[in-house]
PDB file of N, CA and C in Angstrom:
ATOM      1  N   MET A   1     274.668  87.145 -74.311  1.00  0.00           N
ATOM      2  CA  MET A   1     275.120  87.558 -72.991  1.00  0.00           C
ATOM      3  C   MET A   1     273.917  87.522 -72.056  1.00  0.00           C
ATOM      4  N   ASP A   2     274.068  86.823 -70.954  1.00  0.00           N
ATOM      5  CA  ASP A   2     272.943  86.750 -70.021  1.00  0.00           C
ATOM      6  C   ASP A   2     272.824  88.070 -69.246  1.00  0.00           C
ATOM      7  N   ASN A   3     271.731  88.202 -68.516  1.00  0.00           N
ATOM      8  CA  ASN A   3     271.413  89.439 -67.820  1.00  0.00           C
ATOM      9  C   ASN A   3     272.490  89.801 -66.788  1.00  0.00           C
ATOM     10  N   PHE A   4     272.991  88.823 -66.050  1.00  0.00           N
ATOM     11  CA  PHE A   4     274.010  89.073 -65.021  1.00  0.00           C
ATOM     12  C   PHE A   4     275.300  89.574 -65.667  1.00  0.00           C
ATOM     13  N   SER A   5     275.726  88.946 -66.736  1.00  0.00           N
ATOM     14  CA  SER A   5     276.938  89.363 -67.439  1.00  0.00           C
ATOM     15  C   SER A   5     276.782  90.775 -67.999  1.00  0.00           C
ATOM     16  N   LYS A   6     275.585  91.049 -68.497  1.00  0.00           N
ATOM     17  CA  LYS A   6     275.322  92.386 -69.027  1.00  0.00           C
ATOM     18  C   LYS A   6     275.404  93.437 -67.925  1.00  0.00           C
ATOM     19  N   GLN A   7     274.891  93.120 -66.741  1.00  0.00           N
ATOM     20  CA  GLN A   7     274.945  94.054 -65.620  1.00  0.00           C
ATOM     21  C   GLN A   7     276.390  94.308 -65.192  1.00  0.00           C
ATOM     22  N   ILE A   8     277.193  93.266 -65.157  1.00  0.00           N
ATOM     23  CA  ILE A   8     278.605  93.410 -64.790  1.00  0.00           C
ATOM     24  C   ILE A   8     279.325  94.260 -65.833  1.00  0.00           C
ATOM     25  N   TYR A   9     279.055  93.980 -67.093  1.00  0.00           N
ATOM     26  CA  TYR A   9     279.670  94.733 -68.187  1.00  0.00           C
ATOM     27  C   TYR A   9     279.299  96.215 -68.085  1.00  0.00           C
ATOM     28  N   GLU A  10     278.024  96.515 -67.909  1.00  0.00           N
ATOM     29  CA  GLU A  10     277.563  97.899 -67.816  1.00  0.00           C
ATOM     30  C   GLU A  10     278.126  98.593 -66.577  1.00  0.00           C
ATOM     31  N   ALA A  11     278.258  97.866 -65.476  1.00  0.00           N
ATOM     32  CA  ALA A  11     278.847  98.447 -64.264  1.00  0.00           C
ATOM     33  C   ALA A  11     280.309  98.808 -64.521  1.00  0.00           C
ATOM     34  N   GLY A  12     281.017  97.956 -65.225  1.00  0.00           N
ATOM     35  CA  GLY A  12     282.415  98.241 -65.576  1.00  0.00           C
ATOM     36  C   GLY A  12     282.529  99.467 -66.467  1.00  0.00           C
ATOM     37  N   ILE A  13     281.657  99.562 -67.441  1.00  0.00           N
ATOM     38  CA  ILE A  13     281.641 100.727 -68.330  1.00  0.00           C
ATOM     39  C   ILE A  13     281.371 101.993 -67.527  1.00  0.00           C
ATOM     40  N   ASN A  14     280.380 101.942 -66.654  1.00  0.00           N
ATOM     41  CA  ASN A  14     280.035 103.112 -65.834  1.00  0.00           C
ATOM     42  C   ASN A  14     281.178 103.505 -64.907  1.00  0.00           C
ATOM     43  N   ASP A  15     281.830 102.512 -64.306  1.00  0.00           N
ATOM     44  CA  ASP A  15     282.972 102.803 -63.440  1.00  0.00           C
ATOM     45  C   ASP A  15     284.097 103.459 -64.243  1.00  0.00           C
ATOM     46  N   GLY A  16     284.352 102.944 -65.429  1.00  0.00           N
ATOM     47  CA  GLY A  16     285.388 103.513 -66.290  1.00  0.00           C
ATOM     48  C   GLY A  16     285.084 104.949 -66.684  1.00  0.00           C
ATOM     49  N   ARG A  17     283.844 105.208 -67.011  1.00  0.00           N
ATOM     50  CA  ARG A  17     283.442 106.578 -67.364  1.00  0.00           C
ATOM     51  C   ARG A  17     283.610 107.522 -66.177  1.00  0.00           C
ATOM     52  N   ALA A  18     283.191 107.082 -65.005  1.00  0.00           N
ATOM     53  CA  ALA A  18     283.312 107.916 -63.812  1.00  0.00           C
ATOM     54  C   ALA A  18     284.781 108.210 -63.507  1.00  0.00           C
ATOM     55  N   GLU A  19     285.618 107.201 -63.638  1.00  0.00           N
ATOM     56  CA  GLU A  19     287.046 107.392 -63.392  1.00  0.00           C
ATOM     57  C   GLU A  19     287.641 108.357 -64.419  1.00  0.00           C
ATOM     58  N   GLY A  20     287.257 108.202 -65.669  1.00  0.00           N
ATOM     59  CA  GLY A  20     287.737 109.099 -66.727  1.00  0.00           C
ATOM     60  C   GLY A  20     287.309 110.537 -66.501  1.00  0.00           C
ATOM     61  N   LYS A  21     286.070 110.720 -66.091  1.00  0.00           N
ATOM     62  CA  LYS A  21     285.582 112.076 -65.806  1.00  0.00           C
ATOM     63  C   LYS A  21     286.354 112.697 -64.652  1.00  0.00           C
ATOM     64  N   ALA A  22     286.602 111.918 -63.606  1.00  0.00           N
ATOM     65  CA  ALA A  22     287.335 112.434 -62.448  1.00  0.00           C
ATOM     66  C   ALA A  22     288.757 112.825 -62.845  1.00  0.00           C
ATOM     67  N   GLU A  23     289.410 111.990 -63.641  1.00  0.00           N
ATOM     68  CA  GLU A  23     290.766 112.308 -64.087  1.00  0.00           C
ATOM     69  C   GLU A  23     290.773 113.549 -64.971  1.00  0.00           C
ATOM     70  N   GLY A  24     289.817 113.648 -65.859  1.00  0.00           N
ATOM     71  CA  GLY A  24     289.724 114.813 -66.736  1.00  0.00           C
ATOM     72  C   GLY A  24     289.474 116.095 -65.962  1.00  0.00           C
ATOM     73  N   LEU A  25     288.616 116.017 -64.971  1.00  0.00           N
ATOM     74  CA  LEU A  25     288.323 117.179 -64.143  1.00  0.00           C
ATOM     75  C   LEU A  25     289.557 117.620 -63.376  1.00  0.00           C
ATOM     76  N   ALA A  26     290.274 116.670 -62.782  1.00  0.00           N
ATOM     77  CA  ALA A  26     291.484 117.001 -62.032  1.00  0.00           C
ATOM     78  C   ALA A  26     292.534 117.632 -62.949  1.00  0.00           C
ATOM     79  N   GLU A  27     292.698 117.073 -64.134  1.00  0.00           N
ATOM     80  CA  GLU A  27     293.673 117.624 -65.078  1.00  0.00           C
ATOM     81  C   GLU A  27     293.256 119.018 -65.532  1.00  0.00           C
ATOM     82  N   GLY A  28     291.986 119.199 -65.788  1.00  0.00           N
ATOM     83  CA  GLY A  28     291.481 120.510 -66.197  1.00  0.00           C
ATOM     84  C   GLY A  28     291.689 121.565 -65.124  1.00  0.00           C
ATOM     85  N   LYS A  29     291.466 121.197 -63.883  1.00  0.00           N
ATOM     86  CA  LYS A  29     291.684 122.134 -62.779  1.00  0.00           C
ATOM     87  C   LYS A  29     293.153 122.516 -62.677  1.00  0.00           C
ATOM     88  N   ALA A  30     294.040 121.541 -62.827  1.00  0.00           N
ATOM     89  CA  ALA A  30     295.477 121.805 -62.733  1.00  0.00           C
ATOM     90  C   ALA A  30     295.930 122.736 -63.857  1.00  0.00           C
ATOM     91  N   VAL A  31     295.447 122.480 -65.060  1.00  0.00           N
ATOM     92  CA  VAL A  31     295.811 123.327 -66.199  1.00  0.00           C
ATOM     93  C   VAL A  31     295.270 124.742 -65.992  1.00  0.00           C
ATOM     94  N   GLY A  32     294.038 124.852 -65.556  1.00  0.00           N
ATOM     95  CA  GLY A  32     293.434 126.160 -65.308  1.00  0.00           C
ATOM     96  C   GLY A  32     294.173 126.936 -64.237  1.00  0.00           C
ATOM     97  N   LYS A  33     294.583 126.247 -63.206  1.00  0.00           N
ATOM     98  CA  LYS A  33     295.322 126.896 -62.125  1.00  0.00           C
ATOM     99  C   LYS A  33     296.663 127.410 -62.642  1.00  0.00           C
ATOM    100  N   ALA A  34     297.367 126.607 -63.420  1.00  0.00           N
ATOM    101  CA  ALA A  34     298.664 127.009 -63.968  1.00  0.00           C
ATOM    102  C   ALA A  34     298.497 128.192 -64.921  1.00  0.00           C
ATOM    103  N   GLU A  35     297.458 128.155 -65.760  1.00  0.00           N
ATOM    104  CA  GLU A  35     297.223 129.259 -66.683  1.00  0.00           C
ATOM    105  C   GLU A  35     296.903 130.546 -65.925  1.00  0.00           C
ATOM    106  N   GLY A  36     296.134 130.421 -64.861  1.00  0.00           N
ATOM    107  CA  GLY A  36     295.797 131.586 -64.047  1.00  0.00           C
ATOM    108  C   GLY A  36     297.018 132.180 -63.382  1.00  0.00           C
ATOM    109  N   LYS A  37     297.890 131.322 -62.867  1.00  0.00           N
ATOM    110  CA  LYS A  37     299.103 131.814 -62.217  1.00  0.00           C
ATOM    111  C   LYS A  37     300.021 132.459 -63.238  1.00  0.00           C
ATOM    112  N   ALA A  38     300.143 131.866 -64.429  1.00  0.00           N
ATOM    113  CA  ALA A  38     300.972 132.451 -65.484  1.00  0.00           C
ATOM    114  C   ALA A  38     300.449 133.836 -65.860  1.00  0.00           C
ATOM    115  N   GLU A  39     299.154 133.968 -65.959  1.00  0.00           N
ATOM    116  CA  GLU A  39     298.554 135.267 -66.273  1.00  0.00           C
ATOM    117  C   GLU A  39     298.831 136.277 -65.167  1.00  0.00           C
ATOM    118  N   SER A  40     298.752 135.834 -63.911  1.00  0.00           N
ATOM    119  CA  SER A  40     299.046 136.716 -62.784  1.00  0.00           C
ATOM    120  C   SER A  40     300.505 137.158 -62.802  1.00  0.00           C
ATOM    121  N   ILE A  41     301.393 136.250 -63.132  1.00  0.00           N
ATOM    122  CA  ILE A  41     302.821 136.596 -63.223  1.00  0.00           C
ATOM    123  C   ILE A  41     303.018 137.663 -64.293  1.00  0.00           C
ATOM    124  N   LYS A  42     302.415 137.452 -65.479  1.00  0.00           N
ATOM    125  CA  LYS A  42     302.542 138.430 -66.562  1.00  0.00           C
ATOM    126  C   LYS A  42     301.979 139.792 -66.152  1.00  0.00           C
ATOM    127  N   ASN A  43     300.834 139.782 -65.477  1.00  0.00           N
ATOM    128  CA  ASN A  43     300.225 141.045 -65.049  1.00  0.00           C
ATOM    129  C   ASN A  43     301.104 141.784 -64.055  1.00  0.00           C
ATOM    130  N   LEU A  44     301.673 141.065 -63.114  1.00  0.00           N
ATOM    131  CA  LEU A  44     302.568 141.709 -62.149  1.00  0.00           C
ATOM    132  C   LEU A  44     303.797 142.277 -62.845  1.00  0.00           C
ATOM    133  N   MET A  45     304.345 141.517 -63.786  1.00  0.00           N
ATOM    134  CA  MET A  45     305.527 141.982 -64.499  1.00  0.00           C
ATOM    135  C   MET A  45     305.241 143.276 -65.248  1.00  0.00           C
ATOM    136  N   SER A  46     304.085 143.375 -65.863  1.00  0.00           N
ATOM    137  CA  SER A  46     303.788 144.566 -66.663  1.00  0.00           C
ATOM    138  C   SER A  46     303.306 145.744 -65.817  1.00  0.00           C
ATOM    139  N   THR A  47     302.451 145.508 -64.844  1.00  0.00           N
ATOM    140  CA  THR A  47     301.893 146.630 -64.082  1.00  0.00           C
ATOM    141  C   THR A  47     302.839 147.148 -63.009  1.00  0.00           C
ATOM    142  N   MET A  48     303.636 146.244 -62.430  1.00  0.00           N
ATOM    143  CA  MET A  48     304.538 146.665 -61.353  1.00  0.00           C
ATOM    144  C   MET A  48     305.988 146.752 -61.817  1.00  0.00           C
ATOM    145  N   ASN A  49     306.202 146.413 -63.095  1.00  0.00           N
ATOM    146  CA  ASN A  49     307.541 146.462 -63.676  1.00  0.00           C
ATOM    147  C   ASN A  49     308.547 145.678 -62.826  1.00  0.00           C
ATOM    148  N   VAL A  50     308.199 144.410 -62.557  1.00  0.00           N
ATOM    149  CA  VAL A  50     309.084 143.533 -61.796  1.00  0.00           C
ATOM    150  C   VAL A  50     309.527 142.380 -62.688  1.00  0.00           C
ATOM    151  N   SER A  51     310.597 141.720 -62.283  1.00  0.00           N
ATOM    152  CA  SER A  51     311.096 140.573 -63.026  1.00  0.00           C
ATOM    153  C   SER A  51     310.179 139.378 -62.806  1.00  0.00           C
ATOM    154  N   ILE A  52     310.368 138.371 -63.618  1.00  0.00           N
ATOM    155  CA  ILE A  52     309.569 137.154 -63.461  1.00  0.00           C
ATOM    156  C   ILE A  52     309.815 136.515 -62.098  1.00  0.00           C
ATOM    157  N   ASP A  53     311.068 136.529 -61.642  1.00  0.00           N
ATOM    158  CA  ASP A  53     311.369 135.956 -60.323  1.00  0.00           C
ATOM    159  C   ASP A  53     310.694 136.747 -59.210  1.00  0.00           C
ATOM    160  N   GLN A  54     310.705 138.075 -59.320  1.00  0.00           N
ATOM    161  CA  GLN A  54     310.045 138.894 -58.304  1.00  0.00           C
ATOM    162  C   GLN A  54     308.536 138.649 -58.316  1.00  0.00           C
ATOM    163  N   ALA A  55     307.962 138.534 -59.506  1.00  0.00           N
ATOM    164  CA  ALA A  55     306.526 138.282 -59.608  1.00  0.00           C
ATOM    165  C   ALA A  55     306.164 136.946 -58.960  1.00  0.00           C
ATOM    166  N   MET A  56     306.975 135.925 -59.218  1.00  0.00           N
ATOM    167  CA  MET A  56     306.696 134.616 -58.618  1.00  0.00           C
ATOM    168  C   MET A  56     306.871 134.650 -57.108  1.00  0.00           C
ATOM    169  N   ASP A  57     307.841 135.427 -56.622  1.00  0.00           N
ATOM    170  CA  ASP A  57     308.013 135.571 -55.170  1.00  0.00           C
ATOM    171  C   ASP A  57     306.805 136.268 -54.548  1.00  0.00           C
ATOM    172  N   ILE A  58     306.314 137.302 -55.210  1.00  0.00           N
ATOM    173  CA  ILE A  58     305.129 138.015 -54.718  1.00  0.00           C
ATOM    174  C   ILE A  58     303.942 137.059 -54.608  1.00  0.00           C
ATOM    175  N   LEU A  59     303.822 136.162 -55.599  1.00  0.00           N
ATOM    176  CA  LEU A  59     302.711 135.205 -55.613  1.00  0.00           C
ATOM    177  C   LEU A  59     302.984 133.956 -54.769  1.00  0.00           C
ATOM    178  N   LYS A  60     304.143 133.949 -54.123  1.00  0.00           N
ATOM    179  CA  LYS A  60     304.537 132.815 -53.268  1.00  0.00           C
ATOM    180  C   LYS A  60     304.546 131.494 -54.048  1.00  0.00           C
ATOM    181  N   THR A  61     305.086 131.565 -55.259  1.00  0.00           N
ATOM    182  CA  THR A  61     305.222 130.383 -56.089  1.00  0.00           C
ATOM    183  C   THR A  61     306.361 129.537 -55.540  1.00  0.00           C
ATOM    184  N   PRO A  62     306.142 128.263 -55.284  1.00  0.00           N
ATOM    185  CA  PRO A  62     307.216 127.412 -54.762  1.00  0.00           C
ATOM    186  C   PRO A  62     308.418 127.410 -55.714  1.00  0.00           C
ATOM    187  N   PRO A  63     309.626 127.432 -55.156  1.00  0.00           N
ATOM    188  CA  PRO A  63     310.836 127.476 -55.997  1.00  0.00           C
ATOM    189  C   PRO A  63     310.898 126.363 -57.036  1.00  0.00           C
ATOM    190  N   GLU A  64     310.381 125.195 -56.714  1.00  0.00           N
ATOM    191  CA  GLU A  64     310.432 124.078 -57.662  1.00  0.00           C
ATOM    192  C   GLU A  64     309.524 124.298 -58.876  1.00  0.00           C
ATOM    193  N   GLU A  65     308.641 125.291 -58.828  1.00  0.00           N
ATOM    194  CA  GLU A  65     307.763 125.591 -59.956  1.00  0.00           C
ATOM    195  C   GLU A  65     308.278 126.753 -60.809  1.00  0.00           C
ATOM    196  N   HIS A  66     309.317 127.432 -60.355  1.00  0.00           N
ATOM    197  CA  HIS A  66     309.811 128.615 -61.064  1.00  0.00           C
ATOM    198  C   HIS A  66     310.202 128.301 -62.501  1.00  0.00           C
ATOM    199  N   GLN A  67     310.951 127.249 -62.716  1.00  0.00           N
ATOM    200  CA  GLN A  67     311.407 126.942 -64.069  1.00  0.00           C
ATOM    201  C   GLN A  67     310.238 126.596 -64.985  1.00  0.00           C
ATOM    202  N   TYR A  68     309.244 125.917 -64.441  1.00  0.00           N
ATOM    203  CA  TYR A  68     308.057 125.584 -65.232  1.00  0.00           C
ATOM    204  C   TYR A  68     307.408 126.851 -65.783  1.00  0.00           C
ATOM    205  N   PHE A  69     307.228 127.855 -64.928  1.00  0.00           N
ATOM    206  CA  PHE A  69     306.572 129.083 -65.366  1.00  0.00           C
ATOM    207  C   PHE A  69     307.475 129.904 -66.275  1.00  0.00           C
ATOM    208  N   LYS A  70     308.764 129.881 -66.038  1.00  0.00           N
ATOM    209  CA  LYS A  70     309.695 130.561 -66.947  1.00  0.00           C
ATOM    210  C   LYS A  70     309.597 129.960 -68.338  1.00  0.00           C
ATOM    211  N   ASP A  71     309.595 128.647 -68.414  1.00  0.00           N
ATOM    212  CA  ASP A  71     309.473 127.968 -69.708  1.00  0.00           C
ATOM    213  C   ASP A  71     308.127 128.244 -70.361  1.00  0.00           C
ATOM    214  N   LEU A  72     307.063 128.205 -69.572  1.00  0.00           N
ATOM    215  CA  LEU A  72     305.726 128.435 -70.092  1.00  0.00           C
ATOM    216  C   LEU A  72     305.595 129.854 -70.669  1.00  0.00           C
ATOM    217  N   LEU A  73     306.091 130.836 -69.939  1.00  0.00           N
ATOM    218  CA  LEU A  73     305.975 132.213 -70.409  1.00  0.00           C
ATOM    219  C   LEU A  73     306.911 132.493 -71.570  1.00  0.00           C
ATOM    220  N   ALA A  74     308.034 131.797 -71.632  1.00  0.00           N
ATOM    221  CA  ALA A  74     308.956 131.973 -72.763  1.00  0.00           C
ATOM    222  C   ALA A  74     308.314 131.473 -74.053  1.00  0.00           C
ATOM    223  N   LYS A  75     307.519 130.419 -73.962  1.00  0.00           N
ATOM    224  CA  LYS A  75     306.831 129.876 -75.142  1.00  0.00           C
ATOM    225  C   LYS A  75     305.805 130.854 -75.693  1.00  0.00           C
ATOM    226  N   GLU A  76     305.227 131.677 -74.830  1.00  0.00           N
ATOM    227  CA  GLU A  76     304.171 132.594 -75.237  1.00  0.00           C
ATOM    228  C   GLU A  76     304.726 133.817 -75.957  1.00  0.00           C
ATOM    229  N   GLN A  77     306.008 134.082 -75.813  1.00  0.00           N
ATOM    230  CA  GLN A  77     306.575 135.295 -76.422  1.00  0.00           C
ATOM    231  C   GLN A  77     306.994 135.073 -77.833  1.00  0.00           C
TER     232      GLN A  77
END
């Protein structure tokens, strides 16, 4: 492999790694955010003795996410 081809190859590898890191970071942030919200929902339910729907309303959880958190918390029990 000549020097130019090697540089192109290494640039492609570096670009791929950077893209992979960015995707991993974004996914990690999303998972962390969801876990944090689930924990907040559980805390509200236990400390304020409210239903899961009331807890999500207090946290201003969008209605389209309600079922996701219901399913997630049901798995933990």
